[in-house]
């Protein structure tokens, strides 16, 4: 995907975010929520542009390639992202005011979705969620569909995951954490 396509998708994504969040019964986004949604979209687009640039010289992520080649490509991409985002820290994407917007969306959906096992799933073996680093596959869980419907759509190769009670923004090509929203499933 080229940068111009990513920007176009981002603008559509911002509109989709607002319509997805406003799709809940009797819920209309406030100006603060619209600003937070645009900020989230801008932060994600910035990451996607960086990853696209770093990914261009690498072989494509084609499932027909042998597993070893795909693994090497993922490792090279993850290393390039770590170098380019050496100053990245938790909250670069989910930081204020975006965190409040996500926490509100999660709180609205939490009573409709059985996530107890997902939130407590990492209690036996807690792990550190670090930006630009991988997470063991056993620690990552898919976000339930009903909750996913309330979250903003993401560009290709990015996904939401749950790990140790945190909402994780996951890069599926590099297999690293882009950012995490800790204690996302704690109702206050």
C-alpha atoms as a PDB file:
ATOM      1  CA  UNK A   1       0.000   0.000   0.000  1.00  0.00           C
ATOM      2  CA  UNK A   2       1.411   3.381  -0.913  1.00  0.00           C
ATOM      3  CA  UNK A   3       1.420   6.369   1.433  1.00  0.00           C
ATOM      4  CA  UNK A   4      -1.322   8.180  -0.522  1.00  0.00           C
ATOM      5  CA  UNK A   5      -3.539   5.124  -0.199  1.00  0.00           C
ATOM      6  CA  UNK A   6      -2.805   4.974   3.539  1.00  0.00           C
ATOM      7  CA  UNK A   7      -3.806   8.619   3.969  1.00  0.00           C
ATOM      8  CA  UNK A   8      -7.041   8.054   2.027  1.00  0.00           C
ATOM      9  CA  UNK A   9      -7.796   4.992   4.098  1.00  0.00           C
ATOM     10  CA  UNK A  10      -7.022   6.998   7.220  1.00  0.00           C
ATOM     11  CA  UNK A  11      -9.555   9.661   6.346  1.00  0.00           C
ATOM     12  CA  UNK A  12     -12.144   7.001   5.666  1.00  0.00           C
ATOM     13  CA  UNK A  13     -11.071   5.281   8.876  1.00  0.00           C
ATOM     14  CA  UNK A  14     -11.695   8.430  10.907  1.00  0.00           C
ATOM     15  CA  UNK A  15     -15.209   8.660   9.503  1.00  0.00           C
ATOM     16  CA  UNK A  16     -15.700   4.948  10.204  1.00  0.00           C
ATOM     17  CA  UNK A  17     -14.462   5.394  13.764  1.00  0.00           C
ATOM     18  CA  UNK A  18     -16.973   8.114  14.459  1.00  0.00           C
ATOM     19  CA  UNK A  19     -19.816   6.223  12.816  1.00  0.00           C
ATOM     20  CA  UNK A  20     -18.894   2.999  14.647  1.00  0.00           C
ATOM     21  CA  UNK A  21     -18.844   4.728  17.994  1.00  0.00           C
ATOM     22  CA  UNK A  22     -21.948   6.717  17.234  1.00  0.00           C
ATOM     23  CA  UNK A  23     -23.707   3.527  16.108  1.00  0.00           C
ATOM     24  CA  UNK A  24     -24.385   2.581  19.728  1.00  0.00           C
ATOM     25  CA  UNK A  25     -27.902   3.384  20.875  1.00  0.00           C
ATOM     26  CA  UNK A  26     -28.355   6.927  22.166  1.00  0.00           C
ATOM     27  CA  UNK A  27     -24.670   7.738  21.785  1.00  0.00           C
ATOM     28  CA  UNK A  28     -23.422  10.713  19.828  1.00  0.00           C
ATOM     29  CA  UNK A  29     -19.717  11.536  19.861  1.00  0.00           C
ATOM     30  CA  UNK A  30     -18.712  14.763  21.576  1.00  0.00           C
ATOM     31  CA  UNK A  31     -16.162  17.183  20.157  1.00  0.00           C
ATOM     32  CA  UNK A  32     -13.539  15.714  22.520  1.00  0.00           C
ATOM     33  CA  UNK A  33     -14.276  12.203  21.240  1.00  0.00           C
ATOM     34  CA  UNK A  34     -14.013  13.348  17.633  1.00  0.00           C
ATOM     35  CA  UNK A  35     -10.662  14.985  18.377  1.00  0.00           C
ATOM     36  CA  UNK A  36      -9.456  11.806  20.112  1.00  0.00           C
ATOM     37  CA  UNK A  37     -10.620   9.655  17.183  1.00  0.00           C
ATOM     38  CA  UNK A  38      -8.770  11.866  14.691  1.00  0.00           C
ATOM     39  CA  UNK A  39      -5.671  11.828  16.883  1.00  0.00           C
ATOM     40  CA  UNK A  40      -5.769   8.023  17.056  1.00  0.00           C
ATOM     41  CA  UNK A  41      -6.139   7.811  13.275  1.00  0.00           C
ATOM     42  CA  UNK A  42      -3.220  10.216  12.753  1.00  0.00           C
ATOM     43  CA  UNK A  43      -0.977   8.249  15.123  1.00  0.00           C
ATOM     44  CA  UNK A  44      -1.822   4.945  13.439  1.00  0.00           C
ATOM     45  CA  UNK A  45      -1.299   6.441   9.967  1.00  0.00           C
ATOM     46  CA  UNK A  46       2.121   7.733  11.011  1.00  0.00           C
ATOM     47  CA  UNK A  47       3.076   4.221  12.121  1.00  0.00           C
ATOM     48  CA  UNK A  48       1.698   2.638   8.927  1.00  0.00           C
ATOM     49  CA  UNK A  49       3.680   5.066   6.743  1.00  0.00           C
ATOM     50  CA  UNK A  50       6.857   4.183   8.638  1.00  0.00           C
ATOM     51  CA  UNK A  51       6.248   0.447   8.424  1.00  0.00           C
ATOM     52  CA  UNK A  52       5.359   0.674   4.711  1.00  0.00           C
ATOM     53  CA  UNK A  53       8.617   2.487   4.008  1.00  0.00           C
ATOM     54  CA  UNK A  54      10.631  -0.096   5.971  1.00  0.00           C
ATOM     55  CA  UNK A  55       8.763  -3.004   4.408  1.00  0.00           C
ATOM     56  CA  UNK A  56       9.243  -1.971   0.764  1.00  0.00           C
ATOM     57  CA  UNK A  57      12.731  -3.489   0.255  1.00  0.00           C
ATOM     58  CA  UNK A  58      11.717  -6.783   1.900  1.00  0.00           C
ATOM     59  CA  UNK A  59      10.130  -9.769   0.171  1.00  0.00           C
ATOM     60  CA  UNK A  60       6.307  -9.723   0.348  1.00  0.00           C
ATOM     61  CA  UNK A  61       4.463 -11.549   3.145  1.00  0.00           C
ATOM     62  CA  UNK A  62       3.191 -14.331   0.940  1.00  0.00           C
ATOM     63  CA  UNK A  63       1.916 -17.458   2.681  1.00  0.00           C
ATOM     64  CA  UNK A  64       3.206 -19.521  -0.251  1.00  0.00           C
ATOM     65  CA  UNK A  65       6.791 -18.717   0.759  1.00  0.00           C
ATOM     66  CA  UNK A  66       8.512 -21.160   3.035  1.00  0.00           C
ATOM     67  CA  UNK A  67       8.100 -20.551   6.798  1.00  0.00           C
ATOM     68  CA  UNK A  68      11.798 -19.881   7.351  1.00  0.00           C
ATOM     69  CA  UNK A  69      11.815 -17.062   4.761  1.00  0.00           C
ATOM     70  CA  UNK A  70       8.696 -15.522   6.293  1.00  0.00           C
ATOM     71  CA  UNK A  71      10.273 -15.699   9.763  1.00  0.00           C
ATOM     72  CA  UNK A  72      13.439 -13.969   8.562  1.00  0.00           C
ATOM     73  CA  UNK A  73      11.401 -11.260   6.847  1.00  0.00           C
ATOM     74  CA  UNK A  74       9.422 -10.679  10.051  1.00  0.00           C
ATOM     75  CA  UNK A  75      12.610 -10.484  12.117  1.00  0.00           C
ATOM     76  CA  UNK A  76      14.240  -8.014   9.717  1.00  0.00           C
ATOM     77  CA  UNK A  77      11.125  -5.846   9.679  1.00  0.00           C
ATOM     78  CA  UNK A  78      10.826  -5.916  13.482  1.00  0.00           C
ATOM     79  CA  UNK A  79      14.481  -4.930  13.808  1.00  0.00           C
ATOM     80  CA  UNK A  80      14.081  -2.061  11.336  1.00  0.00           C
ATOM     81  CA  UNK A  81      10.994  -0.820  13.195  1.00  0.00           C
ATOM     82  CA  UNK A  82      12.814  -1.009  16.545  1.00  0.00           C
ATOM     83  CA  UNK A  83      15.638   1.088  15.115  1.00  0.00           C
ATOM     84  CA  UNK A  84      13.298   3.638  13.515  1.00  0.00           C
ATOM     85  CA  UNK A  85      11.137   3.863  16.654  1.00  0.00           C
ATOM     86  CA  UNK A  86      13.982   3.759  19.164  1.00  0.00           C
ATOM     87  CA  UNK A  87      12.355   6.581  21.141  1.00  0.00           C
ATOM     88  CA  UNK A  88       8.879   4.991  21.145  1.00  0.00           C
ATOM     89  CA  UNK A  89       7.276   4.601  24.546  1.00  0.00           C
ATOM     90  CA  UNK A  90       3.994   3.308  25.937  1.00  0.00           C
ATOM     91  CA  UNK A  91       1.180   5.732  25.223  1.00  0.00           C
ATOM     92  CA  UNK A  92       2.548   7.058  21.930  1.00  0.00           C
ATOM     93  CA  UNK A  93      -0.650   5.872  20.250  1.00  0.00           C
ATOM     94  CA  UNK A  94      -3.037   5.082  23.124  1.00  0.00           C
ATOM     95  CA  UNK A  95      -1.991   8.148  25.133  1.00  0.00           C
ATOM     96  CA  UNK A  96      -4.381  10.916  26.197  1.00  0.00           C
ATOM     97  CA  UNK A  97      -7.021  11.693  25.032  1.00  0.00           C
ATOM     98  CA  UNK A  98      -7.198   8.488  22.952  1.00  0.00           C
ATOM     99  CA  UNK A  99      -7.006   6.263  26.038  1.00  0.00           C
ATOM    100  CA  UNK A 100     -10.220   7.730  27.426  1.00  0.00           C
ATOM    101  CA  UNK A 101     -12.027   7.126  24.171  1.00  0.00           C
ATOM    102  CA  UNK A 102     -10.972   3.468  24.124  1.00  0.00           C
ATOM    103  CA  UNK A 103     -11.732   2.924  27.794  1.00  0.00           C
ATOM    104  CA  UNK A 104     -15.230   4.330  27.272  1.00  0.00           C
ATOM    105  CA  UNK A 105     -15.849   2.093  24.233  1.00  0.00           C
ATOM    106  CA  UNK A 106     -14.585  -0.944  26.155  1.00  0.00           C
ATOM    107  CA  UNK A 107     -16.704  -0.094  29.200  1.00  0.00           C
ATOM    108  CA  UNK A 108     -19.809   0.200  27.008  1.00  0.00           C
ATOM    109  CA  UNK A 109     -19.142  -3.227  25.485  1.00  0.00           C
ATOM    110  CA  UNK A 110     -17.751  -5.054  28.497  1.00  0.00           C
ATOM    111  CA  UNK A 111     -21.128  -6.131  29.820  1.00  0.00           C
ATOM    112  CA  UNK A 112     -22.092  -7.683  26.480  1.00  0.00           C
ATOM    113  CA  UNK A 113     -18.906  -9.707  26.073  1.00  0.00           C
ATOM    114  CA  UNK A 114     -17.590 -12.544  28.241  1.00  0.00           C
ATOM    115  CA  UNK A 115     -13.933 -11.566  28.558  1.00  0.00           C
ATOM    116  CA  UNK A 116     -13.186 -12.901  32.031  1.00  0.00           C
ATOM    117  CA  UNK A 117     -10.920 -15.657  30.736  1.00  0.00           C
ATOM    118  CA  UNK A 118      -9.077 -13.289  28.426  1.00  0.00           C
ATOM    119  CA  UNK A 119      -8.398 -10.694  31.085  1.00  0.00           C
ATOM    120  CA  UNK A 120      -7.275 -13.226  33.676  1.00  0.00           C
ATOM    121  CA  UNK A 121      -5.536 -15.459  31.123  1.00  0.00           C
ATOM    122  CA  UNK A 122      -2.110 -13.952  31.807  1.00  0.00           C
ATOM    123  CA  UNK A 123      -2.408 -14.042  35.598  1.00  0.00           C
ATOM    124  CA  UNK A 124      -0.551 -17.347  35.890  1.00  0.00           C
ATOM    125  CA  UNK A 125       2.440 -16.141  33.860  1.00  0.00           C
ATOM    126  CA  UNK A 126       2.462 -12.354  33.683  1.00  0.00           C
ATOM    127  CA  UNK A 127       4.506 -10.844  30.894  1.00  0.00           C
ATOM    128  CA  UNK A 128       5.885  -7.400  30.256  1.00  0.00           C
ATOM    129  CA  UNK A 129       4.259  -5.673  27.311  1.00  0.00           C
ATOM    130  CA  UNK A 130       6.974  -3.566  25.758  1.00  0.00           C
ATOM    131  CA  UNK A 131       6.647  -1.299  22.733  1.00  0.00           C
ATOM    132  CA  UNK A 132       8.419  -2.672  19.623  1.00  0.00           C
ATOM    133  CA  UNK A 133       8.851  -6.107  21.196  1.00  0.00           C
ATOM    134  CA  UNK A 134       7.208  -9.467  20.525  1.00  0.00           C
ATOM    135  CA  UNK A 135       4.792 -11.211  22.882  1.00  0.00           C
ATOM    136  CA  UNK A 136       4.603 -14.987  23.234  1.00  0.00           C
ATOM    137  CA  UNK A 137       1.797 -16.360  21.091  1.00  0.00           C
ATOM    138  CA  UNK A 138       0.184 -18.072  24.091  1.00  0.00           C
ATOM    139  CA  UNK A 139      -0.245 -14.696  25.818  1.00  0.00           C
ATOM    140  CA  UNK A 140      -2.154 -13.020  22.969  1.00  0.00           C
ATOM    141  CA  UNK A 141      -5.908 -13.455  22.618  1.00  0.00           C
ATOM    142  CA  UNK A 142      -8.272 -12.308  19.908  1.00  0.00           C
ATOM    143  CA  UNK A 143     -10.617  -9.469  20.773  1.00  0.00           C
ATOM    144  CA  UNK A 144     -14.214 -10.747  20.929  1.00  0.00           C
ATOM    145  CA  UNK A 145     -16.247  -9.729  17.877  1.00  0.00           C
ATOM    146  CA  UNK A 146     -18.785  -7.690  19.860  1.00  0.00           C
ATOM    147  CA  UNK A 147     -15.996  -5.621  21.358  1.00  0.00           C
ATOM    148  CA  UNK A 148     -14.117  -5.375  18.065  1.00  0.00           C
ATOM    149  CA  UNK A 149     -17.231  -3.867  16.459  1.00  0.00           C
ATOM    150  CA  UNK A 150     -16.984  -0.951  18.895  1.00  0.00           C
ATOM    151  CA  UNK A 151     -13.315  -0.235  18.231  1.00  0.00           C
ATOM    152  CA  UNK A 152     -12.005   1.810  15.301  1.00  0.00           C
ATOM    153  CA  UNK A 153     -11.108  -0.215  12.221  1.00  0.00           C
ATOM    154  CA  UNK A 154      -7.406  -0.710  11.591  1.00  0.00           C
ATOM    155  CA  UNK A 155      -5.357  -0.774   8.392  1.00  0.00           C
ATOM    156  CA  UNK A 156      -4.247  -4.130   6.993  1.00  0.00           C
ATOM    157  CA  UNK A 157      -1.614  -6.005   9.013  1.00  0.00           C
ATOM    158  CA  UNK A 158      -2.525  -4.217  12.259  1.00  0.00           C
ATOM    159  CA  UNK A 159      -4.808  -5.830  14.810  1.00  0.00           C
ATOM    160  CA  UNK A 160      -6.166  -5.475  18.308  1.00  0.00           C
ATOM    161  CA  UNK A 161      -5.236  -8.226  20.760  1.00  0.00           C
ATOM    162  CA  UNK A 162      -5.709  -8.787  24.478  1.00  0.00           C
ATOM    163  CA  UNK A 163      -2.778  -9.706  26.717  1.00  0.00           C
ATOM    164  CA  UNK A 164      -2.638  -9.605  30.519  1.00  0.00           C
ATOM    165  CA  UNK A 165      -5.706  -7.386  30.763  1.00  0.00           C
ATOM    166  CA  UNK A 166      -4.321  -4.850  28.285  1.00  0.00           C
ATOM    167  CA  UNK A 167      -5.601  -3.914  24.857  1.00  0.00           C
ATOM    168  CA  UNK A 168      -2.647  -4.381  22.509  1.00  0.00           C
ATOM    169  CA  UNK A 169      -2.145  -2.745  19.137  1.00  0.00           C
ATOM    170  CA  UNK A 170      -0.324  -5.525  17.273  1.00  0.00           C
ATOM    171  CA  UNK A 171       1.689  -5.463  14.041  1.00  0.00           C
ATOM    172  CA  UNK A 172       0.904  -8.766  12.337  1.00  0.00           C
ATOM    173  CA  UNK A 173       3.782  -8.513   9.852  1.00  0.00           C
ATOM    174  CA  UNK A 174       6.557  -7.676  12.323  1.00  0.00           C
ATOM    175  CA  UNK A 175       4.826  -9.543  15.186  1.00  0.00           C
ATOM    176  CA  UNK A 176       5.536  -6.793  17.699  1.00  0.00           C
ATOM    177  CA  UNK A 177       3.582  -4.553  20.070  1.00  0.00           C
ATOM    178  CA  UNK A 178       2.988  -1.112  18.612  1.00  0.00           C
ATOM    179  CA  UNK A 179       1.363   0.143  21.822  1.00  0.00           C
ATOM    180  CA  UNK A 180      -0.701  -1.202  24.709  1.00  0.00           C
ATOM    181  CA  UNK A 181      -3.490   0.208  26.842  1.00  0.00           C
ATOM    182  CA  UNK A 182      -2.853  -1.331  30.286  1.00  0.00           C
ATOM    183  CA  UNK A 183      -5.774  -2.313  32.519  1.00  0.00           C
ATOM    184  CA  UNK A 184      -8.146  -1.663  29.635  1.00  0.00           C
ATOM    185  CA  UNK A 185     -10.698  -4.110  30.999  1.00  0.00           C
ATOM    186  CA  UNK A 186     -10.871  -2.820  34.564  1.00  0.00           C
ATOM    187  CA  UNK A 187     -14.224  -1.159  35.168  1.00  0.00           C
ATOM    188  CA  UNK A 188     -13.984   1.919  37.303  1.00  0.00           C
END
